[in-house]
Amino acid sequence: MDVLTPRQILDQLVNFPTVSRGSNLALVDWLEGYLAGQGVKCFRHWNEDRQKAALIGHAGPWVEGAVVLSGHSDVVPVDGQAWTSDPWVVVERDGRLYGRGTCDMKGYVALAVWALVEAQRRGVARPLQLALSYDEELGCTGAPPMIKTMQELLPKGTAALIGEPSRMKVITGHKGGTGYNVHVKGYEVHSSLLPEGVSAVMEAARLIQWINDQNAAIQAAPRGSVGGRFHPPFTTMHVGRIQGGTADNITAADCRFAVEMRCVPDDDVEARAGAFRAEAERLDAALKAQRPEAGVHLDRFFDVSALRPEVGGEAEALACALTGENATGVVSYGTEAGQFQDAGYSAVVCGPGDIAQAHQPDEYLEVSEFLAGQRFMERLLERLG
């Protein structure tokens, strides 16, 4: 198979509509075939129903100390979005590459794949690894089992470069987070008999008010040295949607909402989550005391580790050397970087594109950013060689 350019690889990757609700196996099949055909060792980590797989690659000598290039294969849907071109075909116009995932984050993945092939062709002294996950857009749930499999199958890498769009700026910290789907179960009676029933909507409001009170207390508290670098410079808890009830004159049998928590790195995500669970359990017991049918059920639907700035971190030093940047930054969105850090890797975020373009109709990646990403990879190959 001929060696492909980064742009040719990007064209291929975007052609696969790897929306998170579906399979990514067509992309993984093609990509594994291409990498293996260039001599790159490839492995898979399958999800439980084997409809998705993470792809893991290793180029160069079979020794420890690899640099890991990390990305995700999934993209968000285009349903209901007004696109001016086919979202599954890369279209170049006005210095931009349009297509679903060009920015978030198949542009970086294309560059990482190209670099892996070049590392194998050139015969680098230090290995280069690819970690391509699934279900990042569903709450970064695919990365932890993939990383575990990597560490079982490959020589351990030391520095992970997560290529989420950062305009090639070196990001050393981001917020962590978790979230719960909440189902408050009530008991229906006519509203004129209110004390005999349980209104799931009115009881859910108690939990939401508790969240409001927590936000007020958090914002009134002193700022931490790390958290103070963020915008906003504190942990936030948010409810975006709520649904419940059947009629104005019936106590609601059900109410559902979701709460998300985005925590600065010097806050304790598990402590925040534990406090919310405790409040939900207190309300659950109170409702069951009124009606045994009533209660509160929680389902945790995502859990993303914060990326903590490292003192003398290898990944930061490497990324700064490759970009020529001395300054580093932090962001409030989450990535898989904190999960690599939890697994013992030094980690930073650095990739082409602007996060403001992620998930948007007519998503695009500036050609200049794509070329900057290729220069970044060229410098990395020189250092590995």
Protein backbone atom coordinates (compact mmCIF):
# COMPACT_ATOMS: atom_id res chain seq x y z
CA MET A 1 0.00 0.00 0.00
CA ASP A 2 1.27 3.46 -0.88
CA VAL A 3 2.24 5.82 1.92
CA LEU A 4 -0.48 8.44 2.35
CA THR A 5 -0.11 12.12 3.12
CA PRO A 6 -1.78 13.60 6.22
CA ARG A 7 -4.46 15.14 4.01
CA GLN A 8 -5.19 11.83 2.29
CA ILE A 9 -5.50 10.13 5.68
CA LEU A 10 -7.85 12.89 6.89
CA ASP A 11 -10.04 12.45 3.80
CA GLN A 12 -10.33 8.73 4.57
CA LEU A 13 -11.09 9.23 8.28
CA VAL A 14 -13.84 11.79 7.72
CA ASN A 15 -15.50 9.48 5.16
CA PHE A 16 -16.35 7.12 8.03
CA PRO A 17 -19.43 8.47 9.91
CA THR A 18 -18.23 7.34 13.33
CA VAL A 19 -21.02 8.95 15.36
CA SER A 20 -20.79 7.77 18.96
CA ARG A 21 -24.21 6.10 18.92
CA GLY A 22 -22.98 3.69 16.23
CA SER A 23 -20.02 1.46 15.45
CA ASN A 24 -16.52 2.67 14.58
CA LEU A 25 -15.34 -0.66 13.21
CA ALA A 26 -15.24 0.35 9.54
CA LEU A 27 -12.74 3.09 10.40
CA VAL A 28 -10.74 0.79 12.68
CA ASP A 29 -10.63 -1.93 10.01
CA TRP A 30 -9.28 0.47 7.40
CA LEU A 31 -6.83 2.15 9.73
CA GLU A 32 -5.47 -1.09 11.15
CA GLY A 33 -4.99 -2.44 7.63
CA TYR A 34 -3.13 0.68 6.57
CA LEU A 35 -0.85 0.80 9.62
CA ALA A 36 -0.10 -2.92 9.58
CA GLY A 37 0.69 -2.65 5.89
CA GLN A 38 3.37 -0.10 6.78
CA GLY A 39 4.93 -2.35 9.44
CA VAL A 40 3.28 -0.76 12.49
CA LYS A 41 2.28 -3.26 15.20
CA CYS A 42 -1.45 -2.93 15.91
CA PHE A 43 -3.76 -4.18 18.65
CA ARG A 44 -7.41 -3.72 19.52
CA HIS A 45 -9.36 -3.24 22.71
CA TRP A 46 -13.01 -4.21 22.13
CA ASN A 47 -16.02 -2.81 23.94
CA GLU A 48 -18.44 -5.20 25.63
CA ASP A 49 -20.68 -5.92 22.63
CA ARG A 50 -17.74 -5.85 20.18
CA GLN A 51 -19.41 -3.16 18.08
CA LYS A 52 -16.60 -0.71 18.79
CA ALA A 53 -12.87 -1.00 19.26
CA ALA A 54 -9.96 1.15 20.34
CA LEU A 55 -6.94 0.89 18.08
CA ILE A 56 -3.48 0.77 19.62
CA GLY A 57 -0.29 1.09 17.55
CA HIS A 58 3.44 0.84 18.24
CA ALA A 59 6.20 2.02 15.90
CA GLY A 60 9.92 1.76 16.53
CA PRO A 61 11.91 -0.41 18.94
CA TRP A 62 10.04 -2.65 21.40
CA VAL A 63 11.29 -0.78 24.47
CA GLU A 64 9.77 1.38 27.18
CA GLY A 65 9.70 5.17 27.09
CA ALA A 66 7.37 5.75 24.11
CA VAL A 67 5.66 9.01 23.31
CA VAL A 68 1.91 8.35 23.02
CA LEU A 69 -0.25 10.23 20.53
CA SER A 70 -3.80 10.06 21.84
CA GLY A 71 -7.04 10.78 20.02
CA HIS A 72 -10.61 9.52 19.69
CA SER A 73 -12.37 8.04 16.70
CA ASP A 74 -15.93 9.11 17.50
CA VAL A 75 -17.71 12.29 16.49
CA VAL A 76 -20.99 13.92 17.48
CA PRO A 77 -24.10 13.67 15.27
CA VAL A 78 -24.96 16.06 12.46
CA ASP A 79 -28.72 15.54 12.92
CA GLY A 80 -30.65 18.79 12.68
CA GLN A 81 -27.59 20.84 11.72
CA ALA A 82 -27.56 22.97 8.57
CA TRP A 83 -24.42 22.04 6.60
CA THR A 84 -23.48 23.74 3.33
CA SER A 85 -21.52 20.67 2.18
CA ASP A 86 -21.52 16.92 2.83
CA PRO A 87 -20.30 16.54 6.44
CA TRP A 88 -18.69 13.18 5.58
CA VAL A 89 -16.48 14.58 2.81
CA VAL A 90 -13.59 16.96 3.45
CA VAL A 91 -14.15 20.14 1.44
CA GLU A 92 -11.44 22.79 1.25
CA ARG A 93 -12.50 26.37 0.73
CA ASP A 94 -11.21 29.75 1.93
CA GLY A 95 -8.25 28.13 3.70
CA ARG A 96 -10.42 25.80 5.76
CA LEU A 97 -11.05 22.05 5.76
CA TYR A 98 -14.76 21.47 6.32
CA GLY A 99 -16.21 18.17 7.53
CA ARG A 100 -17.49 16.49 10.67
CA GLY A 101 -14.50 15.75 12.87
CA THR A 102 -11.88 17.73 10.95
CA CYS A 103 -11.35 19.80 14.10
CA ASP A 104 -12.55 17.38 16.81
CA MET A 105 -10.42 15.46 16.24
CA LYS A 106 -9.70 13.56 13.05
CA GLY A 107 -7.28 16.26 11.92
CA TYR A 108 -4.96 15.37 14.78
CA VAL A 109 -5.57 11.65 14.34
CA ALA A 110 -4.56 11.91 10.67
CA LEU A 111 -1.32 13.62 11.70
CA ALA A 112 -0.68 11.01 14.40
CA VAL A 113 -1.21 8.15 11.93
CA TRP A 114 1.13 9.81 9.44
CA ALA A 115 3.76 10.27 12.16
CA LEU A 116 3.49 6.64 13.25
CA VAL A 117 4.11 5.43 9.69
CA GLU A 118 7.02 7.84 9.30
CA ALA A 119 8.50 6.68 12.62
CA GLN A 120 8.41 3.10 11.37
CA ARG A 121 9.84 4.01 7.96
CA ARG A 122 12.65 6.17 9.35
CA GLY A 123 13.65 3.79 12.11
CA VAL A 124 13.36 5.96 15.22
CA ALA A 125 15.41 5.23 18.34
CA ARG A 126 12.55 6.00 20.75
CA PRO A 127 9.15 4.39 20.08
CA LEU A 128 5.97 6.18 19.13
CA GLN A 129 2.55 4.83 20.07
CA LEU A 130 -1.01 5.56 18.93
CA ALA A 131 -3.97 5.38 21.30
CA LEU A 132 -7.24 5.83 19.39
CA SER A 133 -10.26 5.49 21.68
CA TYR A 134 -14.01 5.21 21.24
CA ASP A 135 -16.87 6.87 23.18
CA GLU A 136 -14.95 9.99 24.13
CA GLU A 137 -18.01 12.01 23.14
CA LEU A 138 -20.12 9.91 25.52
CA GLY A 139 -18.11 10.98 28.56
CA CYS A 140 -14.57 9.69 27.95
CA THR A 141 -15.68 6.18 28.88
CA GLY A 142 -13.56 4.32 26.31
CA ALA A 143 -10.10 5.54 27.30
CA PRO A 144 -9.55 3.89 30.73
CA PRO A 145 -10.02 0.28 29.50
CA MET A 146 -7.96 1.10 26.39
CA ILE A 147 -5.10 2.44 28.52
CA LYS A 148 -5.23 -0.66 30.71
CA THR A 149 -4.96 -2.86 27.61
CA MET A 150 -2.08 -0.75 26.28
CA GLN A 151 -0.12 -1.26 29.46
CA GLU A 152 -0.72 -5.00 29.31
CA LEU A 153 0.31 -5.39 25.65
CA LEU A 154 2.92 -2.70 24.94
CA PRO A 155 6.14 -1.48 26.53
CA LYS A 156 5.11 1.35 28.85
CA GLY A 157 5.08 4.84 27.39
CA THR A 158 5.98 7.84 29.50
CA ALA A 159 4.61 10.98 27.81
CA ALA A 160 1.11 11.31 26.33
CA LEU A 161 0.18 14.10 23.92
CA ILE A 162 -3.60 14.38 23.69
CA GLY A 163 -4.50 16.18 20.48
CA GLU A 164 -7.78 17.88 21.35
CA PRO A 165 -8.10 21.24 19.58
CA SER A 166 -6.03 23.85 21.40
CA ARG A 167 -4.73 25.91 18.44
CA MET A 168 -1.41 24.14 19.05
CA LYS A 169 -1.11 25.77 22.47
CA VAL A 170 0.22 23.61 25.29
CA ILE A 171 -2.54 22.90 27.83
CA THR A 172 -1.32 21.54 31.16
CA GLY A 173 -4.58 21.57 33.12
CA HIS A 174 -8.29 21.08 32.64
CA LYS A 175 -11.31 20.56 34.81
CA GLY A 176 -12.52 17.13 35.77
CA GLY A 177 -16.14 16.21 35.99
CA THR A 178 -18.89 13.76 36.63
CA GLY A 179 -22.61 13.61 36.11
CA TYR A 180 -25.74 11.82 37.26
CA ASN A 181 -29.04 11.10 35.60
CA VAL A 182 -31.59 11.59 38.37
CA HIS A 183 -35.01 9.93 38.50
CA VAL A 184 -37.31 11.09 41.26
CA LYS A 185 -40.29 8.74 41.64
CA GLY A 186 -43.47 10.21 43.13
CA TYR A 187 -47.00 9.03 43.80
CA GLU A 188 -49.96 10.35 41.81
CA VAL A 189 -53.04 11.82 43.45
CA HIS A 190 -55.32 14.71 42.51
CA SER A 191 -53.65 17.98 43.48
CA SER A 192 -56.51 18.75 45.88
CA LEU A 193 -55.26 15.77 47.91
CA LEU A 194 -51.63 16.89 47.82
CA PRO A 195 -50.60 15.58 51.30
CA GLU A 196 -51.65 12.06 50.30
CA GLY A 197 -49.35 11.95 47.27
CA VAL A 198 -45.75 12.72 46.42
CA SER A 199 -44.94 15.21 43.67
CA ALA A 200 -41.79 14.06 41.91
CA VAL A 201 -41.41 17.52 40.35
CA MET A 202 -41.64 19.38 43.66
CA GLU A 203 -39.27 16.94 45.37
CA ALA A 204 -36.78 17.13 42.48
CA ALA A 205 -36.80 20.89 43.04
CA ARG A 206 -35.38 20.28 46.52
CA LEU A 207 -32.35 18.54 45.02
CA ILE A 208 -31.94 21.28 42.43
CA GLN A 209 -32.11 23.93 45.14
CA TRP A 210 -29.42 22.01 47.04
CA ILE A 211 -27.29 22.30 43.87
CA ASN A 212 -27.95 26.04 43.74
CA ASP A 213 -26.89 26.38 47.37
CA GLN A 214 -23.70 24.41 46.67
CA ASN A 215 -22.83 26.71 43.78
CA ALA A 216 -23.31 29.75 45.99
CA ALA A 217 -21.06 28.28 48.70
CA ILE A 218 -18.38 27.29 46.19
CA GLN A 219 -18.29 30.75 44.63
CA ALA A 220 -18.06 32.41 48.05
CA ALA A 221 -15.13 30.23 49.16
CA PRO A 222 -11.46 31.25 48.70
CA ARG A 223 -9.89 30.30 45.34
CA GLY A 224 -7.28 27.55 45.16
CA SER A 225 -3.91 28.28 43.55
CA VAL A 226 -4.63 25.94 40.62
CA GLY A 227 -8.36 26.55 40.32
CA GLY A 228 -7.81 30.29 40.21
CA ARG A 229 -6.24 29.92 36.75
CA PHE A 230 -9.50 28.73 35.20
CA HIS A 231 -12.48 30.56 33.75
CA PRO A 232 -14.62 30.40 35.77
CA PRO A 233 -12.08 29.91 38.58
CA PHE A 234 -14.16 27.44 40.59
CA THR A 235 -16.13 24.20 40.41
CA THR A 236 -19.63 24.42 38.89
CA MET A 237 -22.71 22.19 39.21
CA HIS A 238 -25.40 22.51 36.56
CA VAL A 239 -28.85 21.19 35.61
CA GLY A 240 -29.66 21.86 31.97
CA ARG A 241 -32.94 20.01 31.42
CA ILE A 242 -35.84 18.71 33.50
CA GLN A 243 -38.87 16.64 32.56
CA GLY A 244 -41.81 15.45 34.61
CA GLY A 245 -45.51 15.45 35.37
CA THR A 246 -48.61 14.70 33.32
CA ALA A 247 -51.12 17.42 34.25
CA ASP A 248 -51.41 20.61 36.25
CA ASN A 249 -53.80 19.01 38.74
CA ILE A 250 -51.98 15.70 39.34
CA THR A 251 -48.97 15.21 41.60
CA ALA A 252 -46.17 14.12 39.30
CA ALA A 253 -45.35 10.41 39.29
CA ASP A 254 -41.94 10.97 37.72
CA CYS A 255 -39.35 13.69 37.28
CA ARG A 256 -36.02 13.32 35.51
CA PHE A 257 -33.06 15.63 35.20
CA ALA A 258 -29.31 15.43 34.84
CA VAL A 259 -26.69 17.19 36.92
CA GLU A 260 -23.14 17.73 35.73
CA MET A 261 -20.21 18.80 37.89
CA ARG A 262 -17.07 20.41 36.43
CA CYS A 263 -14.39 20.54 39.08
CA VAL A 264 -11.11 22.45 39.13
CA PRO A 265 -8.09 20.18 39.67
CA ASP A 266 -7.55 21.24 43.28
CA ASP A 267 -11.13 20.31 44.17
CA ASP A 268 -12.18 16.73 44.98
CA VAL A 269 -14.61 15.36 42.37
CA GLU A 270 -15.44 12.30 44.47
CA ALA A 271 -16.16 14.42 47.52
CA ARG A 272 -18.57 16.57 45.48
CA ALA A 273 -20.20 13.47 44.01
CA GLY A 274 -20.42 11.85 47.43
CA ALA A 275 -22.11 14.90 48.93
CA PHE A 276 -24.71 14.86 46.13
CA ARG A 277 -25.34 11.13 46.60
CA ALA A 278 -25.78 11.65 50.34
CA GLU A 279 -28.35 14.39 49.74
CA ALA A 280 -30.17 12.18 47.23
CA GLU A 281 -30.19 9.30 49.74
CA ARG A 282 -31.59 11.59 52.45
CA LEU A 283 -34.41 12.65 50.10
CA ASP A 284 -34.98 9.03 49.04
CA ALA A 285 -35.50 7.97 52.65
CA ALA A 286 -37.86 10.90 53.30
CA LEU A 287 -40.00 10.08 50.23
CA LYS A 288 -40.18 6.38 51.07
CA ALA A 289 -41.39 7.34 54.52
CA GLN A 290 -44.35 9.09 52.84
CA ARG A 291 -45.01 6.45 50.19
CA PRO A 292 -42.97 3.25 49.77
CA GLU A 293 -43.37 3.54 45.99
CA ALA A 294 -41.54 6.88 45.93
CA GLY A 295 -37.80 7.54 45.96
CA VAL A 296 -34.72 8.76 44.15
CA HIS A 297 -32.56 6.78 41.73
CA LEU A 298 -29.15 7.95 40.48
CA ASP A 299 -27.26 6.72 37.43
CA ARG A 300 -23.73 8.03 36.99
CA PHE A 301 -23.23 8.64 33.28
CA PHE A 302 -19.75 10.12 33.02
CA ASP A 303 -16.61 10.48 35.09
CA VAL A 304 -13.69 12.45 33.66
CA SER A 305 -10.48 12.99 35.62
CA ALA A 306 -9.01 16.47 35.83
CA LEU A 307 -5.65 17.15 34.21
CA ARG A 308 -3.36 18.49 36.92
CA PRO A 309 -0.43 20.75 36.01
CA GLU A 310 2.80 18.83 36.61
CA VAL A 311 5.95 20.28 38.13
CA GLY A 312 8.75 19.49 35.68
CA GLY A 313 6.45 17.31 33.59
CA GLU A 314 8.04 15.46 30.67
CA ALA A 315 5.04 15.95 28.37
CA GLU A 316 4.96 19.70 28.99
CA ALA A 317 8.68 20.06 28.31
CA LEU A 318 8.38 18.02 25.13
CA ALA A 319 5.32 19.85 23.80
CA CYS A 320 6.83 23.26 24.55
CA ALA A 321 10.02 22.29 22.72
CA LEU A 322 8.01 21.10 19.71
CA THR A 323 5.78 24.17 19.52
CA GLY A 324 8.39 26.73 20.54
CA GLU A 325 5.98 27.98 23.21
CA ASN A 326 7.16 28.95 26.68
CA ALA A 327 3.72 29.70 28.11
CA THR A 328 1.15 27.07 28.96
CA GLY A 329 -2.55 27.31 29.65
CA VAL A 330 -5.58 25.62 31.17
CA VAL A 331 -9.07 24.97 29.78
CA SER A 332 -12.46 24.24 31.31
CA TYR A 333 -13.49 21.44 28.95
CA GLY A 334 -12.54 17.84 29.70
CA THR A 335 -10.37 15.40 27.75
CA GLU A 336 -8.80 11.97 28.14
CA ALA A 337 -5.54 13.57 29.32
CA GLY A 338 -6.41 13.25 33.00
CA GLN A 339 -7.11 9.55 32.50
CA PHE A 340 -3.63 9.04 31.04
CA GLN A 341 -2.21 10.99 33.96
CA ASP A 342 -4.10 8.76 36.40
CA ALA A 343 -2.47 5.76 34.71
CA GLY A 344 1.04 7.10 35.31
CA TYR A 345 1.77 9.02 32.13
CA SER A 346 2.97 12.61 31.98
CA ALA A 347 0.25 14.29 29.89
CA VAL A 348 -0.66 17.50 28.14
CA VAL A 349 -3.24 18.60 25.58
CA CYS A 350 -1.92 20.05 22.31
CA GLY A 351 -3.61 19.83 18.94
CA PRO A 352 -4.68 21.78 15.86
CA GLY A 353 -8.01 23.57 15.65
CA ASP A 354 -10.21 25.75 17.81
CA ILE A 355 -12.51 24.10 20.37
CA ALA A 356 -15.17 26.65 19.38
CA GLN A 357 -15.55 24.74 16.10
CA ALA A 358 -16.12 21.38 17.79
CA HIS A 359 -19.63 19.94 17.32
CA GLN A 360 -20.74 22.87 15.13
CA PRO A 361 -22.49 22.76 11.74
CA ASP A 362 -19.89 23.35 9.02
CA GLU A 363 -17.18 22.28 11.45
CA TYR A 364 -13.78 23.19 10.05
CA LEU A 365 -10.06 23.07 10.65
CA GLU A 366 -7.88 25.88 9.37
CA VAL A 367 -5.39 24.63 6.78
CA SER A 368 -2.71 26.67 8.55
CA GLU A 369 -3.45 24.80 11.80
CA PHE A 370 -3.23 21.45 10.02
CA LEU A 371 0.14 22.41 8.58
CA ALA A 372 1.30 23.60 12.00
CA GLY A 373 0.34 20.20 13.35
CA GLN A 374 2.40 18.50 10.66
CA ARG A 375 5.43 20.64 11.56
CA PHE A 376 4.90 19.60 15.19
CA MET A 377 5.00 15.95 14.15
CA GLU A 378 8.09 16.50 12.00
CA ARG A 379 9.94 17.96 14.98
CA LEU A 380 8.77 15.07 17.13
CA LEU A 381 10.13 12.56 14.62
CA GLU A 382 13.47 14.35 14.61
CA ARG A 383 13.67 14.07 18.40
CA LEU A 384 12.68 10.43 18.38
CA GLY A 385 15.26 9.66 15.73
